[in-house]
Amino acid sequence: MLGLEAKGQLIVLDEGLARPGIGVKLVGSHASCSTFVYVNTAEGMAVLTGDTVQMYGNVEHDYMLHINEDEGQCRRALEIARADADLLMPGHDPLVFQSHPRGIGGRRA
């Protein structure tokens, strides 16, 4: 991996901008390394939640993920998702494809 980082093909960070318009935030919860990915799109800020927020219902009904390392981090991750996302992209919800059937449009930051 270090060779990829040296060549500029891999960016390693806990939080911040990876590239203009693309950022990450370490949220923990499901696993200590769980991260949200932020993408600035024409429709607003898309937050890709991976395994931390698996379904829209997790955020809509404050349902914590049943497999998590830290309950406090899980609650905080749900708050972050609600606060930061114009477009929430849960990691395992098939409704993502119904909510965004044509995908989401990107824009240059």
C-alpha atoms as a PDB file:
ATOM      1  CA  MET A   1       0.000   0.000   0.000  1.00  0.00           C
ATOM      2  CA  LEU A   2       2.819   2.410   0.710  1.00  0.00           C
ATOM      3  CA  GLY A   3       3.958   2.135  -2.891  1.00  0.00           C
ATOM      4  CA  LEU A   4       0.495   3.211  -4.061  1.00  0.00           C
ATOM      5  CA  GLU A   5       0.540   6.120  -1.625  1.00  0.00           C
ATOM      6  CA  ALA A   6       3.949   7.233  -2.876  1.00  0.00           C
ATOM      7  CA  LYS A   7       2.677   7.155  -6.475  1.00  0.00           C
ATOM      8  CA  GLY A   8      -0.345   9.289  -5.543  1.00  0.00           C
ATOM      9  CA  GLN A   9      -2.761   6.415  -6.204  1.00  0.00           C
ATOM     10  CA  LEU A  10      -3.783   6.042  -2.552  1.00  0.00           C
ATOM     11  CA  ILE A  11      -4.675   8.744  -0.062  1.00  0.00           C
ATOM     12  CA  VAL A  12      -4.712   7.749   3.612  1.00  0.00           C
ATOM     13  CA  LEU A  13      -6.608   9.977   6.041  1.00  0.00           C
ATOM     14  CA  ASP A  14      -9.014   9.782   8.964  1.00  0.00           C
ATOM     15  CA  GLU A  15     -10.952  12.915   8.080  1.00  0.00           C
ATOM     16  CA  GLY A  16     -10.852  15.674   5.498  1.00  0.00           C
ATOM     17  CA  LEU A  17     -10.752  16.154   1.746  1.00  0.00           C
ATOM     18  CA  ALA A  18      -9.350  13.316  -0.338  1.00  0.00           C
ATOM     19  CA  ARG A  19      -9.879  15.284  -3.537  1.00  0.00           C
ATOM     20  CA  PRO A  20     -11.853  18.437  -4.320  1.00  0.00           C
ATOM     21  CA  GLY A  21     -15.501  17.586  -3.692  1.00  0.00           C
ATOM     22  CA  ILE A  22     -14.751  14.233  -2.028  1.00  0.00           C
ATOM     23  CA  GLY A  23     -14.147  13.876   1.691  1.00  0.00           C
ATOM     24  CA  VAL A  24     -14.191  11.342   4.486  1.00  0.00           C
ATOM     25  CA  LYS A  25     -15.112  11.362   8.171  1.00  0.00           C
ATOM     26  CA  LEU A  26     -14.183   8.631  10.641  1.00  0.00           C
ATOM     27  CA  VAL A  27     -17.357   7.803  12.610  1.00  0.00           C
ATOM     28  CA  GLY A  28     -16.627   4.452  14.247  1.00  0.00           C
ATOM     29  CA  SER A  29     -19.759   2.619  15.403  1.00  0.00           C
ATOM     30  CA  HIS A  30     -20.027  -0.581  13.356  1.00  0.00           C
ATOM     31  CA  ALA A  31     -16.247  -0.936  13.503  1.00  0.00           C
ATOM     32  CA  SER A  32     -13.605   1.412  14.844  1.00  0.00           C
ATOM     33  CA  CYS A  33     -12.554   2.185  11.256  1.00  0.00           C
ATOM     34  CA  SER A  34     -16.069   2.893   9.904  1.00  0.00           C
ATOM     35  CA  THR A  35     -16.024   5.968   7.703  1.00  0.00           C
ATOM     36  CA  PHE A  36     -18.568   8.149   5.921  1.00  0.00           C
ATOM     37  CA  VAL A  37     -17.655   9.285   2.407  1.00  0.00           C
ATOM     38  CA  TYR A  38     -18.858  12.742   1.336  1.00  0.00           C
ATOM     39  CA  VAL A  39     -19.380  13.631  -2.323  1.00  0.00           C
ATOM     40  CA  ASN A  40     -20.375  17.130  -3.413  1.00  0.00           C
ATOM     41  CA  THR A  41     -23.030  16.679  -6.118  1.00  0.00           C
ATOM     42  CA  ALA A  42     -25.339  18.904  -8.127  1.00  0.00           C
ATOM     43  CA  GLU A  43     -28.171  17.822  -5.785  1.00  0.00           C
ATOM     44  CA  GLY A  44     -26.234  18.596  -2.589  1.00  0.00           C
ATOM     45  CA  MET A  45     -23.927  16.708  -0.260  1.00  0.00           C
ATOM     46  CA  ALA A  46     -24.194  12.945  -0.694  1.00  0.00           C
ATOM     47  CA  VAL A  47     -23.097  10.904   2.309  1.00  0.00           C
ATOM     48  CA  LEU A  48     -22.219   7.270   1.638  1.00  0.00           C
ATOM     49  CA  THR A  49     -22.501   5.512   4.975  1.00  0.00           C
ATOM     50  CA  GLY A  50     -21.233   2.005   4.278  1.00  0.00           C
ATOM     51  CA  ASP A  51     -22.137  -0.448   7.045  1.00  0.00           C
ATOM     52  CA  THR A  52     -22.631   2.228   9.713  1.00  0.00           C
ATOM     53  CA  VAL A  53     -26.090   3.223   8.433  1.00  0.00           C
ATOM     54  CA  GLN A  54     -27.388   0.243   6.518  1.00  0.00           C
ATOM     55  CA  MET A  55     -30.982   1.326   5.863  1.00  0.00           C
ATOM     56  CA  TYR A  56     -32.906   4.599   5.606  1.00  0.00           C
ATOM     57  CA  GLY A  57     -34.918   3.397   8.618  1.00  0.00           C
ATOM     58  CA  ASN A  58     -31.821   3.570  10.795  1.00  0.00           C
ATOM     59  CA  VAL A  59     -31.796   7.356  10.408  1.00  0.00           C
ATOM     60  CA  GLU A  60     -35.544   7.932  10.035  1.00  0.00           C
ATOM     61  CA  HIS A  61     -36.506   5.968  13.162  1.00  0.00           C
ATOM     62  CA  ASP A  62     -33.263   6.236  15.152  1.00  0.00           C
ATOM     63  CA  TYR A  63     -32.674   2.477  14.890  1.00  0.00           C
ATOM     64  CA  MET A  64     -29.137   1.650  15.856  1.00  0.00           C
ATOM     65  CA  LEU A  65     -27.260  -0.977  13.934  1.00  0.00           C
ATOM     66  CA  HIS A  66     -27.497  -4.230  15.900  1.00  0.00           C
ATOM     67  CA  ILE A  67     -23.826  -5.019  15.340  1.00  0.00           C
ATOM     68  CA  ASN A  68     -21.690  -2.157  16.597  1.00  0.00           C
ATOM     69  CA  GLU A  69     -18.559  -1.723  18.668  1.00  0.00           C
ATOM     70  CA  ASP A  70     -19.730   1.379  20.516  1.00  0.00           C
ATOM     71  CA  GLU A  71     -23.343   2.384  21.159  1.00  0.00           C
ATOM     72  CA  GLY A  72     -22.395   6.025  21.758  1.00  0.00           C
ATOM     73  CA  GLN A  73     -20.534   6.188  18.436  1.00  0.00           C
ATOM     74  CA  CYS A  74     -23.525   4.587  16.729  1.00  0.00           C
ATOM     75  CA  ARG A  75     -25.908   7.234  18.079  1.00  0.00           C
ATOM     76  CA  ARG A  76     -23.454   9.978  17.096  1.00  0.00           C
ATOM     77  CA  ALA A  77     -23.081   8.515  13.577  1.00  0.00           C
ATOM     78  CA  LEU A  78     -26.868   8.666  13.116  1.00  0.00           C
ATOM     79  CA  GLU A  79     -26.825  12.320  14.228  1.00  0.00           C
ATOM     80  CA  ILE A  80     -23.977  13.091  11.818  1.00  0.00           C
ATOM     81  CA  ALA A  81     -25.822  11.409   8.938  1.00  0.00           C
ATOM     82  CA  ARG A  82     -28.981  13.427   9.664  1.00  0.00           C
ATOM     83  CA  ALA A  83     -27.067  16.702   9.956  1.00  0.00           C
ATOM     84  CA  ASP A  84     -24.638  16.351   7.053  1.00  0.00           C
ATOM     85  CA  ALA A  85     -26.535  14.554   4.280  1.00  0.00           C
ATOM     86  CA  ASP A  86     -28.609  16.252   1.632  1.00  0.00           C
ATOM     87  CA  LEU A  87     -28.577  12.853  -0.070  1.00  0.00           C
ATOM     88  CA  LEU A  88     -28.240   9.884   2.261  1.00  0.00           C
ATOM     89  CA  MET A  89     -26.847   6.728   0.683  1.00  0.00           C
ATOM     90  CA  PRO A  90     -27.225   3.852   3.189  1.00  0.00           C
ATOM     91  CA  GLY A  91     -24.915   0.929   2.630  1.00  0.00           C
ATOM     92  CA  HIS A  92     -27.490  -1.850   2.195  1.00  0.00           C
ATOM     93  CA  ASP A  93     -30.894  -0.321   1.446  1.00  0.00           C
ATOM     94  CA  PRO A  94     -32.357  -1.306  -1.945  1.00  0.00           C
ATOM     95  CA  LEU A  95     -34.533   1.821  -1.746  1.00  0.00           C
ATOM     96  CA  VAL A  96     -31.429   3.817  -2.721  1.00  0.00           C
ATOM     97  CA  PHE A  97     -32.072   2.692  -6.298  1.00  0.00           C
ATOM     98  CA  GLN A  98     -35.721   3.790  -6.112  1.00  0.00           C
ATOM     99  CA  SER A  99     -34.790   7.111  -4.519  1.00  0.00           C
ATOM    100  CA  HIS A 100     -32.136   7.803  -7.162  1.00  0.00           C
ATOM    101  CA  PRO A 101     -33.070   5.732 -10.259  1.00  0.00           C
ATOM    102  CA  ARG A 102     -30.908   7.851 -12.562  1.00  0.00           C
ATOM    103  CA  GLY A 103     -28.026   8.085 -10.117  1.00  0.00           C
ATOM    104  CA  ILE A 104     -26.774  11.362  -8.705  1.00  0.00           C
ATOM    105  CA  GLY A 105     -25.028  14.047 -10.697  1.00  0.00           C
ATOM    106  CA  GLY A 106     -21.581  15.250  -9.804  1.00  0.00           C
ATOM    107  CA  ARG A 107     -20.227  18.743 -10.005  1.00  0.00           C
ATOM    108  CA  ARG A 108     -16.762  20.111  -9.781  1.00  0.00           C
ATOM    109  CA  ALA A 109     -15.945  21.676  -6.434  1.00  0.00           C
END
